[in-house]
Amino acid sequence: EAHTDCKNGSNTPRLHNHLHSLHIAENYAKRPVRTFLDFRDTNVAENLDIRHVPMLFFKNLQRISKIKVVSFLLGLTLTFFIMASYVLMWDKKGPLFTPSPYQLRPAAIPTSTTATRASSKKNPVNVKVLVKLIKQEYTPRKVPDEKDVIATDSHLFSVIPRRFLPGIKSPCWYEEFSSKPGNDLYRKNLFTLRSKSFKTVCDRLRANFHKHLYHKDGKDFRLRCLPYFYIIGQPKCGTTDLFHRMLLHPEVKFNIMKEPHWWTRKRFGYIRFKDGFQESFRVEDYLDLFDMAAHSIQEGITGNSSGHHRALQLITGEASASTMWDNQAWSYLHADKETEPPFLAQDFIHAVQPDAKIIIMLRDPVERLYSDYLYFKTANKSAEDFHQKVIESVQLFQSCVSEWSLRSCTYNTSLFNDMPVRLNLGMYIVFLLDWLSVFSKEQILVLRLEDYAANLKETIQKVFDFLSVGPVSQQVEAALTKQPMSNTRREEDRSLGPMLPATRNILRNFHQPFNRKLASLLDNEAFLWNNS
């Protein structure tokens, strides 16, 4: 609908823009479906008799001076030698632009981004060809041996024991504490340097820290805890809102930081991959995030808490939306290896905590991508710009999957860096199958944002049942349902309107094979998103 400007009573500018968008969308929808691999000349008239082309060429050639003819022949010869040199440089596996599924240096995917942009303006993606490629049988990953996982980070597995304290719901253990009174045990924690809110929490924890120590045989011990559950993804699927509502349950004690991104980035020394390696966050830094919960549980163990029985049932968790999909760090660490990531985040979580509970929130991948684009792109946003970026990304993915396995392209860091929108994050089935390679179905709860928004009370209760936490009071229940949604779309992004119908059609066709496999795996047709 065209919106009227209430100030002057005129709706002409907005109506003009609206009609302009509809005109563009109509033009996109009418374009023939072709890919950048289609070499037909779009500038040749359809009724041109091909037999007359050579005669026209030689007639024109007679008008050219001898100097121009010589220049033309020299240029032609030079072009031949350049092309021949590329042919000679091909290896036995294929041309130079064969995609390296795990190459970190300048992107080495089958086609350059520049070439893709140029071609995508004329040639929308060939959806039929692409769908055929991505329907290929998914090859399950080879799960690494646990001893190999442990060998990659001996310090991590020396800090976290193989067994946790009995009688406590959370995965906790005692660690000997030898720091002298007055020492600032949080001073070196790298999270405090990057989070003012966590630094404030540490100031409070520091003041009462020694009161929460356990004394035995002349030694002091501190209680350490891992998250009982992980909300692992996906981005722009409502994980922030779920996180804040779960905080209202009296048995759930979160760390102050929703997304530490420790398992996927910070433990390897990366905060933003584009900024390069910075400094590795130790496992001790990560465990400090859960000290608030540990202190409350310790009070229950010593009986200092009035509700000490309930304190033993306290759980904590974290909600890094990168945990489900982001394993790029391995490509930065092993840039010389042309392989899929040898280890995934879930291999480490399962190795230290095989009974962990995993929560996944998903939404229609078509809408997820548009929301992702609006949230993370900072300037020059428009439905038309999004359309162009979708075409470029789909073409790049098509080029990769024509040479490599679906799984390789989904995890391909070079491809991910070159795609202007994060298309692969919507390939939920690939990531979910990899999580199910180490965790059982009973340990993973998969939700839809659409159900969460339509029936908040029922969905939240499903989460609480999954975590086996007690019922909430009417007051807490009212707060859970009345709290306004968090991290919703910004007003300036809403004004841009929906994506173009042609964009939606391309993405719908692209994601359909993935959604079908997902719905089949979960035995729930709602994950087809046919009614979105």
Protein backbone atom coordinates (compact mmCIF):
# COMPACT_ATOMS: atom_id res chain seq x y z
CA GLU A 1 0.00 0.00 0.00
CA ALA A 2 1.13 3.56 -0.67
CA HIS A 3 1.44 5.54 2.57
CA THR A 4 0.11 9.09 2.82
CA ASP A 5 2.36 11.83 4.16
CA CYS A 6 0.29 13.08 7.11
CA LYS A 7 2.14 16.40 7.22
CA ASN A 8 1.05 17.76 3.86
CA GLY A 9 -1.67 15.31 2.89
CA SER A 10 0.23 14.20 -0.21
CA ASN A 11 1.15 10.65 -0.99
CA THR A 12 2.64 11.29 -4.41
CA PRO A 13 6.36 10.67 -3.64
CA ARG A 14 5.76 7.46 -1.76
CA LEU A 15 3.21 6.28 -4.36
CA HIS A 16 5.76 7.00 -7.09
CA ASN A 17 8.41 4.97 -5.22
CA HIS A 18 5.94 2.17 -4.63
CA LEU A 19 5.01 1.98 -8.34
CA HIS A 20 8.70 2.13 -9.25
CA SER A 21 9.41 -0.88 -7.00
CA LEU A 22 6.51 -2.79 -8.54
CA HIS A 23 7.81 -1.99 -12.03
CA ILE A 24 11.28 -3.28 -11.12
CA ALA A 25 9.85 -6.40 -9.55
CA GLU A 26 7.78 -7.05 -12.67
CA ASN A 27 10.85 -6.65 -14.88
CA TYR A 28 12.86 -9.06 -12.73
CA ALA A 29 10.08 -11.61 -12.84
CA LYS A 30 9.83 -11.44 -16.67
CA ARG A 31 13.54 -11.95 -17.29
CA PRO A 32 14.54 -15.33 -18.71
CA VAL A 33 16.13 -17.70 -16.22
CA ARG A 34 19.78 -18.16 -17.23
CA THR A 35 23.10 -18.53 -15.46
CA PHE A 36 26.53 -17.08 -15.99
CA LEU A 37 27.47 -20.44 -17.52
CA ASP A 38 25.09 -19.74 -20.42
CA PHE A 39 27.22 -18.41 -23.27
CA ARG A 40 24.49 -17.38 -25.70
CA ASP A 41 24.98 -13.87 -27.05
CA THR A 42 22.14 -11.70 -25.76
CA ASN A 43 22.90 -8.88 -28.23
CA VAL A 44 22.37 -10.80 -31.48
CA ALA A 45 19.05 -10.20 -33.17
CA GLU A 46 16.87 -13.30 -33.13
CA ASN A 47 16.11 -13.26 -36.89
CA LEU A 48 19.68 -12.60 -38.04
CA ASP A 49 20.74 -15.06 -40.77
CA ILE A 50 23.99 -16.55 -39.47
CA ARG A 51 25.15 -17.35 -43.01
CA HIS A 52 25.62 -13.64 -43.76
CA VAL A 53 27.81 -12.93 -40.70
CA PRO A 54 31.15 -13.86 -42.38
CA MET A 55 30.38 -11.73 -45.44
CA LEU A 56 29.52 -8.73 -43.28
CA PHE A 57 32.76 -9.22 -41.37
CA PHE A 58 34.97 -9.24 -44.48
CA LYS A 59 33.19 -6.28 -46.06
CA ASN A 60 33.85 -4.22 -42.94
CA LEU A 61 37.41 -5.52 -42.72
CA GLN A 62 38.21 -4.08 -46.19
CA ARG A 63 37.49 -0.59 -44.87
CA ILE A 64 40.07 -0.94 -42.10
CA SER A 65 43.58 0.38 -42.69
CA LYS A 66 46.53 -1.99 -42.89
CA ILE A 67 47.88 -0.63 -39.59
CA LYS A 68 44.65 -1.46 -37.81
CA VAL A 69 44.62 -4.93 -39.35
CA VAL A 70 48.17 -5.58 -38.11
CA SER A 71 47.25 -4.29 -34.62
CA PHE A 72 44.19 -6.50 -34.60
CA LEU A 73 46.23 -9.60 -35.57
CA LEU A 74 48.90 -8.84 -32.94
CA GLY A 75 46.23 -8.47 -30.27
CA LEU A 76 44.62 -11.71 -31.37
CA THR A 77 47.99 -13.51 -31.17
CA LEU A 78 48.68 -12.11 -27.69
CA THR A 79 45.23 -13.23 -26.49
CA PHE A 80 45.92 -16.73 -27.86
CA PHE A 81 49.22 -17.00 -25.92
CA ILE A 82 47.57 -15.79 -22.67
CA MET A 83 44.78 -18.32 -23.00
CA ALA A 84 47.27 -21.06 -23.85
CA SER A 85 49.29 -20.27 -20.73
CA TYR A 86 46.18 -20.72 -18.58
CA VAL A 87 45.44 -24.06 -20.22
CA LEU A 88 48.99 -25.26 -19.57
CA MET A 89 48.71 -24.25 -15.91
CA TRP A 90 45.66 -26.40 -15.26
CA ASP A 91 46.37 -29.31 -12.99
CA LYS A 92 45.00 -32.78 -13.38
CA LYS A 93 42.00 -32.04 -11.18
CA GLY A 94 40.72 -29.07 -13.11
CA PRO A 95 41.31 -25.37 -13.82
CA LEU A 96 42.87 -22.82 -11.56
CA PHE A 97 39.51 -21.66 -10.30
CA THR A 98 38.51 -25.05 -8.92
CA PRO A 99 37.06 -24.21 -5.49
CA SER A 100 39.14 -24.94 -2.45
CA PRO A 101 36.55 -25.69 0.20
CA TYR A 102 38.80 -24.55 2.96
CA GLN A 103 41.12 -21.90 1.63
CA LEU A 104 41.59 -18.70 3.50
CA ARG A 105 43.78 -16.67 1.28
CA PRO A 106 42.17 -14.58 -1.48
CA ALA A 107 39.04 -16.48 -2.40
CA ALA A 108 39.63 -19.37 -4.77
CA ILE A 109 36.16 -20.32 -5.84
CA PRO A 110 35.14 -21.26 -9.38
CA THR A 111 34.24 -17.77 -10.47
CA SER A 112 35.37 -14.36 -9.31
CA THR A 113 32.97 -12.07 -7.50
CA THR A 114 33.49 -9.39 -10.15
CA ALA A 115 32.60 -11.77 -12.95
CA THR A 116 29.56 -12.96 -11.05
CA ARG A 117 28.31 -9.43 -10.49
CA ALA A 118 28.70 -8.62 -14.16
CA SER A 119 26.91 -11.77 -15.26
CA SER A 120 24.15 -11.62 -12.65
CA LYS A 121 22.93 -8.30 -14.00
CA LYS A 122 22.04 -10.05 -17.25
CA ASN A 123 21.57 -13.66 -16.21
CA PRO A 124 19.45 -14.60 -13.21
CA VAL A 125 20.25 -17.95 -11.68
CA ASN A 126 19.15 -21.17 -13.34
CA VAL A 127 17.07 -22.49 -10.49
CA LYS A 128 16.27 -25.84 -12.11
CA VAL A 129 19.95 -26.68 -12.58
CA LEU A 130 20.78 -25.57 -9.05
CA VAL A 131 17.97 -27.54 -7.42
CA LYS A 132 19.15 -30.63 -9.26
CA LEU A 133 22.66 -30.08 -7.89
CA ILE A 134 21.61 -29.58 -4.29
CA LYS A 135 19.33 -32.61 -4.36
CA GLN A 136 22.42 -34.77 -4.47
CA GLU A 137 22.66 -37.34 -1.69
CA TYR A 138 24.07 -35.85 1.48
CA THR A 139 27.22 -37.65 2.58
CA PRO A 140 27.38 -37.96 6.38
CA ARG A 141 30.48 -36.54 8.01
CA LYS A 142 33.14 -38.75 9.46
CA VAL A 143 33.03 -38.11 13.19
CA PRO A 144 36.58 -37.77 14.60
CA ASP A 145 37.74 -40.05 17.39
CA GLU A 146 37.43 -38.49 20.81
CA LYS A 147 41.16 -38.96 21.45
CA ASP A 148 41.88 -36.84 18.37
CA VAL A 149 39.50 -34.13 19.61
CA ILE A 150 41.21 -34.11 23.02
CA ALA A 151 44.66 -33.97 21.40
CA THR A 152 43.85 -30.67 19.70
CA ASP A 153 43.39 -28.82 23.02
CA SER A 154 45.00 -30.62 25.93
CA HIS A 155 44.60 -27.60 28.24
CA LEU A 156 40.82 -27.53 27.78
CA PHE A 157 40.51 -31.16 28.77
CA SER A 158 42.90 -30.78 31.69
CA VAL A 159 40.72 -28.05 33.19
CA ILE A 160 37.34 -29.75 32.71
CA PRO A 161 37.06 -33.17 34.41
CA ARG A 162 35.50 -36.24 32.87
CA ARG A 163 32.92 -36.50 35.65
CA PHE A 164 30.78 -33.92 37.43
CA LEU A 165 29.46 -33.69 40.98
CA PRO A 166 26.55 -36.02 41.75
CA GLY A 167 23.29 -34.66 43.14
CA ILE A 168 23.62 -31.39 41.22
CA LYS A 169 21.68 -30.82 38.04
CA SER A 170 24.28 -28.55 36.42
CA PRO A 171 27.63 -29.95 35.20
CA CYS A 172 29.82 -28.66 38.04
CA TRP A 173 33.04 -29.69 39.79
CA TYR A 174 35.46 -28.39 42.41
CA GLU A 175 38.72 -26.77 41.37
CA GLU A 176 41.50 -26.11 43.86
CA PHE A 177 41.90 -22.40 44.51
CA SER A 178 45.30 -21.11 45.60
CA SER A 179 45.14 -17.39 44.90
CA LYS A 180 46.10 -15.15 47.82
CA PRO A 181 43.48 -12.84 49.38
CA GLY A 182 43.49 -9.49 47.68
CA ASN A 183 44.50 -10.85 44.29
CA ASP A 184 42.16 -9.78 41.50
CA LEU A 185 41.21 -13.15 39.99
CA TYR A 186 39.12 -11.52 37.22
CA ARG A 187 41.74 -8.97 36.19
CA LYS A 188 43.14 -11.10 33.37
CA ASN A 189 39.77 -12.26 32.09
CA LEU A 190 39.55 -11.04 28.49
CA PHE A 191 35.75 -10.89 28.59
CA THR A 192 35.95 -8.12 31.22
CA LEU A 193 37.99 -6.03 28.80
CA ARG A 194 35.27 -6.21 26.15
CA SER A 195 32.08 -6.18 28.19
CA LYS A 196 31.26 -3.41 30.66
CA SER A 197 28.28 -5.36 31.97
CA PHE A 198 30.40 -8.42 32.73
CA LYS A 199 33.05 -6.24 34.34
CA THR A 200 30.34 -4.87 36.66
CA VAL A 201 29.27 -8.41 37.53
CA CYS A 202 32.89 -9.34 38.27
CA ASP A 203 33.15 -6.41 40.68
CA ARG A 204 30.22 -7.85 42.60
CA LEU A 205 31.52 -11.42 42.46
CA ARG A 206 34.95 -10.34 43.61
CA ALA A 207 33.59 -8.73 46.77
CA ASN A 208 32.02 -11.97 48.04
CA PHE A 209 34.21 -14.50 46.30
CA HIS A 210 35.92 -16.01 49.38
CA LYS A 211 32.57 -16.57 51.06
CA HIS A 212 31.73 -19.07 48.34
CA LEU A 213 34.84 -21.22 48.65
CA TYR A 214 34.65 -24.80 49.88
CA HIS A 215 37.20 -25.74 52.56
CA LYS A 216 38.53 -29.27 52.95
CA ASP A 217 41.77 -30.69 54.41
CA GLY A 218 43.29 -27.24 54.74
CA LYS A 219 42.66 -26.41 51.10
CA ASP A 220 40.23 -24.06 49.35
CA PHE A 221 38.14 -25.08 46.38
CA ARG A 222 35.91 -23.05 44.06
CA LEU A 223 32.88 -24.48 42.31
CA ARG A 224 33.13 -24.42 38.52
CA CYS A 225 30.17 -25.00 36.19
CA LEU A 226 29.55 -25.41 32.48
CA PRO A 227 26.27 -24.46 30.82
CA TYR A 228 23.54 -27.05 31.26
CA PHE A 229 22.14 -26.06 27.86
CA TYR A 230 23.16 -24.19 24.73
CA ILE A 231 20.94 -22.12 22.44
CA ILE A 232 23.03 -22.54 19.32
CA GLY A 233 21.17 -20.70 16.55
CA GLN A 234 20.26 -19.50 14.15
CA PRO A 235 20.95 -15.75 13.78
CA LYS A 236 17.83 -13.60 13.31
CA CYS A 237 15.58 -16.43 14.47
CA GLY A 238 14.49 -15.10 17.88
CA THR A 239 17.30 -16.46 20.09
CA THR A 240 17.76 -13.10 21.84
CA ASP A 241 14.11 -12.88 22.81
CA LEU A 242 14.08 -16.51 24.01
CA PHE A 243 17.22 -15.88 26.07
CA HIS A 244 15.72 -12.92 27.93
CA ARG A 245 12.41 -14.65 28.65
CA MET A 246 14.12 -17.75 30.01
CA LEU A 247 15.95 -15.54 32.50
CA LEU A 248 12.63 -14.99 34.26
CA HIS A 249 12.45 -18.62 35.39
CA PRO A 250 13.74 -18.87 38.97
CA GLU A 251 15.73 -22.05 38.21
CA VAL A 252 17.60 -20.58 35.24
CA LYS A 253 20.71 -18.55 36.05
CA PHE A 254 22.34 -17.20 32.92
CA ASN A 255 25.71 -15.62 32.61
CA ILE A 256 25.41 -11.89 31.99
CA MET A 257 26.60 -12.27 28.39
CA LYS A 258 24.17 -13.81 25.91
CA GLU A 259 26.68 -14.59 23.17
CA PRO A 260 30.26 -15.25 24.29
CA HIS A 261 31.02 -17.04 20.97
CA TRP A 262 33.73 -18.94 22.78
CA TRP A 263 33.38 -22.38 21.22
CA THR A 264 33.50 -21.01 17.66
CA ARG A 265 35.73 -17.94 17.74
CA LYS A 266 37.26 -16.55 20.91
CA ARG A 267 39.02 -19.69 22.08
CA PHE A 268 40.89 -19.62 18.77
CA GLY A 269 41.80 -15.94 19.19
CA TYR A 270 39.20 -14.43 16.86
CA ILE A 271 36.47 -11.93 17.68
CA ARG A 272 35.71 -10.86 14.13
CA PHE A 273 37.45 -12.89 11.49
CA LYS A 274 37.93 -9.84 9.28
CA ASP A 275 40.08 -8.29 12.05
CA GLY A 276 42.43 -11.29 12.09
CA PHE A 277 43.90 -13.11 15.07
CA GLN A 278 43.90 -11.11 18.31
CA GLU A 279 44.24 -13.10 21.52
CA SER A 280 42.98 -16.50 22.62
CA PHE A 281 40.40 -16.48 25.39
CA ARG A 282 41.28 -19.21 27.90
CA VAL A 283 38.74 -21.79 29.02
CA GLU A 284 39.07 -20.25 32.51
CA ASP A 285 37.78 -16.95 31.09
CA TYR A 286 34.78 -18.78 29.68
CA LEU A 287 34.03 -20.60 32.94
CA ASP A 288 34.12 -17.28 34.84
CA LEU A 289 30.99 -16.29 32.90
CA PHE A 290 29.02 -18.84 34.93
CA ASP A 291 30.30 -17.90 38.38
CA MET A 292 27.01 -16.29 39.38
CA ALA A 293 25.25 -19.62 38.93
CA ALA A 294 28.15 -21.45 40.60
CA HIS A 295 27.91 -19.22 43.69
CA SER A 296 24.16 -19.83 43.97
CA ILE A 297 24.64 -23.59 43.63
CA GLN A 298 27.45 -23.55 46.21
CA GLU A 299 25.11 -21.88 48.69
CA GLY A 300 22.71 -24.77 48.15
CA ILE A 301 25.47 -27.34 48.70
CA THR A 302 26.58 -25.80 51.99
CA GLY A 303 22.99 -25.21 53.10
CA ASN A 304 23.48 -21.46 53.41
CA SER A 305 20.56 -20.82 51.10
CA SER A 306 16.98 -20.83 52.43
CA GLY A 307 15.99 -22.74 49.31
CA HIS A 308 19.08 -24.95 49.26
CA HIS A 309 17.23 -27.88 47.65
CA ARG A 310 16.11 -25.67 44.78
CA ALA A 311 19.63 -24.25 44.48
CA LEU A 312 20.88 -27.73 43.60
CA GLN A 313 18.45 -27.71 40.67
CA LEU A 314 19.70 -24.39 39.25
CA ILE A 315 20.91 -24.49 35.67
CA THR A 316 22.74 -22.06 33.46
CA GLY A 317 23.19 -21.71 29.74
CA GLU A 318 24.42 -19.52 26.93
CA ALA A 319 23.03 -18.46 23.57
CA SER A 320 25.81 -17.87 21.03
CA ALA A 321 23.98 -17.95 17.69
CA SER A 322 27.22 -18.89 15.90
CA THR A 323 27.60 -22.25 17.64
CA MET A 324 25.39 -24.18 15.22
CA TRP A 325 27.11 -23.19 12.00
CA ASP A 326 30.35 -21.24 12.40
CA ASN A 327 33.50 -23.36 12.09
CA GLN A 328 35.55 -20.89 10.06
CA ALA A 329 38.33 -20.74 12.64
CA TRP A 330 39.69 -24.07 11.44
CA SER A 331 40.29 -22.68 7.98
CA TYR A 332 42.26 -19.77 9.41
CA LEU A 333 44.35 -22.14 11.48
CA HIS A 334 44.86 -24.67 8.67
CA ALA A 335 44.86 -22.52 5.54
CA ASP A 336 47.18 -24.94 3.74
CA LYS A 337 44.72 -27.84 3.93
CA GLU A 338 42.06 -28.17 1.25
CA THR A 339 39.56 -30.13 3.33
CA GLU A 340 36.30 -29.73 5.16
CA PRO A 341 36.71 -28.64 8.79
CA PRO A 342 38.33 -31.60 10.56
CA PHE A 343 36.57 -30.78 13.85
CA LEU A 344 33.32 -28.98 14.58
CA ALA A 345 32.25 -27.05 17.69
CA GLN A 346 29.89 -29.85 18.69
CA ASP A 347 32.79 -32.34 18.82
CA PHE A 348 34.32 -30.37 21.69
CA ILE A 349 31.07 -29.66 23.51
CA HIS A 350 30.15 -33.35 23.33
CA ALA A 351 33.62 -34.45 24.46
CA VAL A 352 33.47 -32.35 27.65
CA GLN A 353 29.72 -32.59 28.18
CA PRO A 354 28.03 -35.56 26.45
CA ASP A 355 24.70 -34.94 28.25
CA ALA A 356 24.33 -31.29 27.18
CA LYS A 357 20.92 -30.01 26.10
CA ILE A 358 20.79 -28.22 22.74
CA ILE A 359 18.10 -25.70 21.72
CA ILE A 360 17.75 -24.52 18.11
CA MET A 361 15.40 -21.78 16.92
CA LEU A 362 14.74 -21.61 13.17
CA ARG A 363 12.53 -19.57 10.88
CA ASP A 364 11.61 -19.52 7.20
CA PRO A 365 15.10 -19.30 5.62
CA VAL A 366 13.82 -16.86 3.00
CA GLU A 367 12.69 -14.37 5.65
CA ARG A 368 15.75 -15.10 7.78
CA LEU A 369 18.08 -14.01 4.99
CA TYR A 370 16.25 -10.72 4.38
CA SER A 371 16.23 -9.96 8.11
CA ASP A 372 19.94 -10.81 8.27
CA TYR A 373 20.63 -8.43 5.36
CA LEU A 374 18.67 -5.56 6.94
CA TYR A 375 20.31 -6.05 10.34
CA PHE A 376 23.95 -6.41 9.33
CA LYS A 377 24.16 -4.13 6.29
CA THR A 378 24.60 -0.54 7.39
CA ALA A 379 24.12 1.61 4.27
CA ASN A 380 22.43 1.75 0.87
CA LYS A 381 19.90 -0.93 1.74
CA SER A 382 17.01 -1.59 -0.62
CA ALA A 383 14.90 -4.45 -1.92
CA GLU A 384 16.64 -4.08 -5.29
CA ASP A 385 20.10 -4.25 -3.72
CA PHE A 386 19.08 -7.34 -1.79
CA HIS A 387 17.80 -8.94 -4.99
CA GLN A 388 21.11 -8.39 -6.74
CA LYS A 389 23.08 -9.78 -3.79
CA VAL A 390 20.88 -12.86 -3.66
CA ILE A 391 21.52 -13.59 -7.34
CA GLU A 392 25.28 -13.18 -6.88
CA SER A 393 25.31 -15.44 -3.82
CA VAL A 394 23.18 -18.16 -5.40
CA GLN A 395 25.35 -18.16 -8.51
CA LEU A 396 28.51 -18.47 -6.44
CA PHE A 397 27.03 -21.35 -4.49
CA GLN A 398 25.86 -23.04 -7.70
CA SER A 399 29.36 -22.78 -9.14
CA CYS A 400 30.84 -24.36 -6.00
CA VAL A 401 28.35 -27.19 -5.67
CA SER A 402 28.82 -28.14 -9.33
CA GLU A 403 32.40 -29.10 -8.45
CA TRP A 404 32.32 -30.01 -4.77
CA SER A 405 30.04 -31.73 -2.30
CA LEU A 406 27.11 -29.90 -0.77
CA ARG A 407 28.66 -30.14 2.68
CA SER A 408 32.01 -28.75 1.48
CA CYS A 409 30.34 -25.71 -0.04
CA THR A 410 28.18 -25.13 3.02
CA TYR A 411 31.31 -24.89 5.21
CA ASN A 412 33.52 -23.23 2.57
CA THR A 413 35.05 -20.14 4.20
CA SER A 414 36.24 -18.59 0.94
CA LEU A 415 32.78 -18.94 -0.55
CA PHE A 416 31.19 -17.57 2.63
CA ASN A 417 33.45 -14.48 2.50
CA ASP A 418 32.66 -13.85 -1.16
CA MET A 419 28.88 -14.23 -0.97
CA PRO A 420 27.35 -10.76 -0.34
CA VAL A 421 24.56 -12.31 1.77
CA ARG A 422 24.83 -15.21 4.24
CA LEU A 423 22.92 -17.71 2.13
CA ASN A 424 24.38 -20.84 3.71
CA LEU A 425 23.00 -20.07 7.18
CA GLY A 426 19.56 -21.10 5.93
CA MET A 427 20.71 -24.60 4.93
CA TYR A 428 19.56 -25.85 8.31
CA ILE A 429 19.50 -29.55 7.47
CA VAL A 430 23.26 -29.70 6.78
CA PHE A 431 24.12 -28.25 10.18
CA LEU A 432 21.47 -30.22 12.07
CA LEU A 433 22.66 -33.53 10.64
CA ASP A 434 26.18 -32.71 11.77
CA TRP A 435 24.95 -32.01 15.30
CA LEU A 436 23.03 -35.27 15.26
CA SER A 437 26.26 -37.06 14.41
CA VAL A 438 27.36 -36.59 18.03
CA PHE A 439 24.19 -35.76 20.01
CA SER A 440 21.00 -37.81 20.10
CA LYS A 441 17.64 -36.52 18.90
CA GLU A 442 16.39 -36.49 22.48
CA GLN A 443 19.08 -33.94 23.39
CA ILE A 444 18.13 -31.45 20.70
CA LEU A 445 14.98 -29.30 20.72
CA VAL A 446 14.20 -27.63 17.38
CA LEU A 447 11.70 -24.75 17.44
CA ARG A 448 10.21 -22.46 14.81
CA LEU A 449 10.12 -18.71 15.31
CA GLU A 450 6.70 -18.65 13.64
CA ASP A 451 5.27 -20.92 16.37
CA TYR A 452 7.08 -18.95 19.06
CA ALA A 453 5.53 -15.68 17.86
CA ALA A 454 2.04 -17.15 17.36
CA ASN A 455 1.86 -19.06 20.65
CA LEU A 456 4.51 -17.79 23.02
CA LYS A 457 3.17 -19.41 26.18
CA GLU A 458 2.98 -22.90 24.67
CA THR A 459 6.43 -22.69 23.07
CA ILE A 460 8.12 -21.42 26.26
CA GLN A 461 6.50 -24.25 28.19
CA LYS A 462 7.91 -26.71 25.66
CA VAL A 463 11.38 -25.29 26.38
CA PHE A 464 10.90 -25.57 30.15
CA ASP A 465 9.67 -29.16 29.80
CA PHE A 466 12.71 -29.98 27.67
CA LEU A 467 14.99 -28.61 30.40
CA SER A 468 12.96 -30.33 33.17
CA VAL A 469 12.58 -27.16 35.21
CA GLY A 470 9.71 -26.68 37.63
CA PRO A 471 6.45 -24.82 36.97
CA VAL A 472 6.42 -21.05 37.31
CA SER A 473 4.10 -18.89 39.37
CA GLN A 474 1.24 -16.97 37.79
CA GLN A 475 3.22 -13.78 38.29
CA VAL A 476 6.24 -15.15 36.38
CA GLU A 477 3.98 -16.58 33.70
CA ALA A 478 2.36 -13.18 33.20
CA ALA A 479 5.78 -11.53 32.95
CA LEU A 480 6.90 -14.13 30.42
CA THR A 481 4.02 -13.45 28.06
CA LYS A 482 3.67 -9.68 28.54
CA GLN A 483 7.31 -8.79 28.05
CA PRO A 484 7.68 -7.03 24.66
CA MET A 485 9.63 -8.77 21.92
CA SER A 486 13.34 -7.90 21.90
CA ASN A 487 15.70 -7.31 18.99
CA THR A 488 12.89 -6.66 16.51
CA ARG A 489 13.31 -4.99 13.12
CA ARG A 490 14.36 -1.34 13.26
CA GLU A 491 11.89 1.31 12.12
CA GLU A 492 14.15 2.51 9.31
CA ASP A 493 14.43 -1.06 8.01
CA ARG A 494 10.67 -1.56 8.11
CA SER A 495 10.26 1.44 5.83
CA LEU A 496 12.15 -0.43 3.10
CA GLY A 497 9.24 -2.83 2.79
CA PRO A 498 9.36 -6.53 1.88
CA MET A 499 11.74 -8.16 -0.58
CA LEU A 500 10.81 -8.24 -4.27
CA PRO A 501 8.50 -11.07 -5.38
CA ALA A 502 11.19 -12.26 -7.81
CA THR A 503 13.75 -12.47 -4.99
CA ARG A 504 11.34 -14.46 -2.86
CA ASN A 505 10.71 -16.85 -5.75
CA ILE A 506 14.44 -17.51 -6.26
CA LEU A 507 15.07 -18.11 -2.56
CA ARG A 508 11.94 -20.24 -2.16
CA ASN A 509 13.09 -22.56 -4.95
CA PHE A 510 16.65 -22.61 -3.65
CA HIS A 511 15.71 -23.60 -0.09
CA GLN A 512 12.94 -26.03 -0.98
CA PRO A 513 15.15 -29.16 -1.23
CA PHE A 514 16.81 -28.33 2.11
CA ASN A 515 13.44 -27.71 3.79
CA ARG A 516 12.04 -31.00 2.51
CA LYS A 517 14.91 -32.96 4.06
CA LEU A 518 14.53 -31.00 7.30
CA ALA A 519 10.77 -31.62 7.51
CA SER A 520 11.34 -35.30 6.81
CA LEU A 521 14.01 -35.61 9.49
CA LEU A 522 11.89 -33.84 12.11
CA ASP A 523 8.67 -35.50 10.90
CA ASN A 524 7.00 -32.10 10.83
CA GLU A 525 5.69 -30.52 7.62
CA ALA A 526 5.65 -27.10 9.27
CA PHE A 527 9.39 -26.95 8.49
CA LEU A 528 8.53 -26.82 4.78
CA TRP A 529 7.38 -23.23 5.34
CA ASN A 530 4.88 -23.58 2.51
CA ASN A 531 2.46 -21.11 4.08
CA SER A 532 4.98 -18.38 4.84
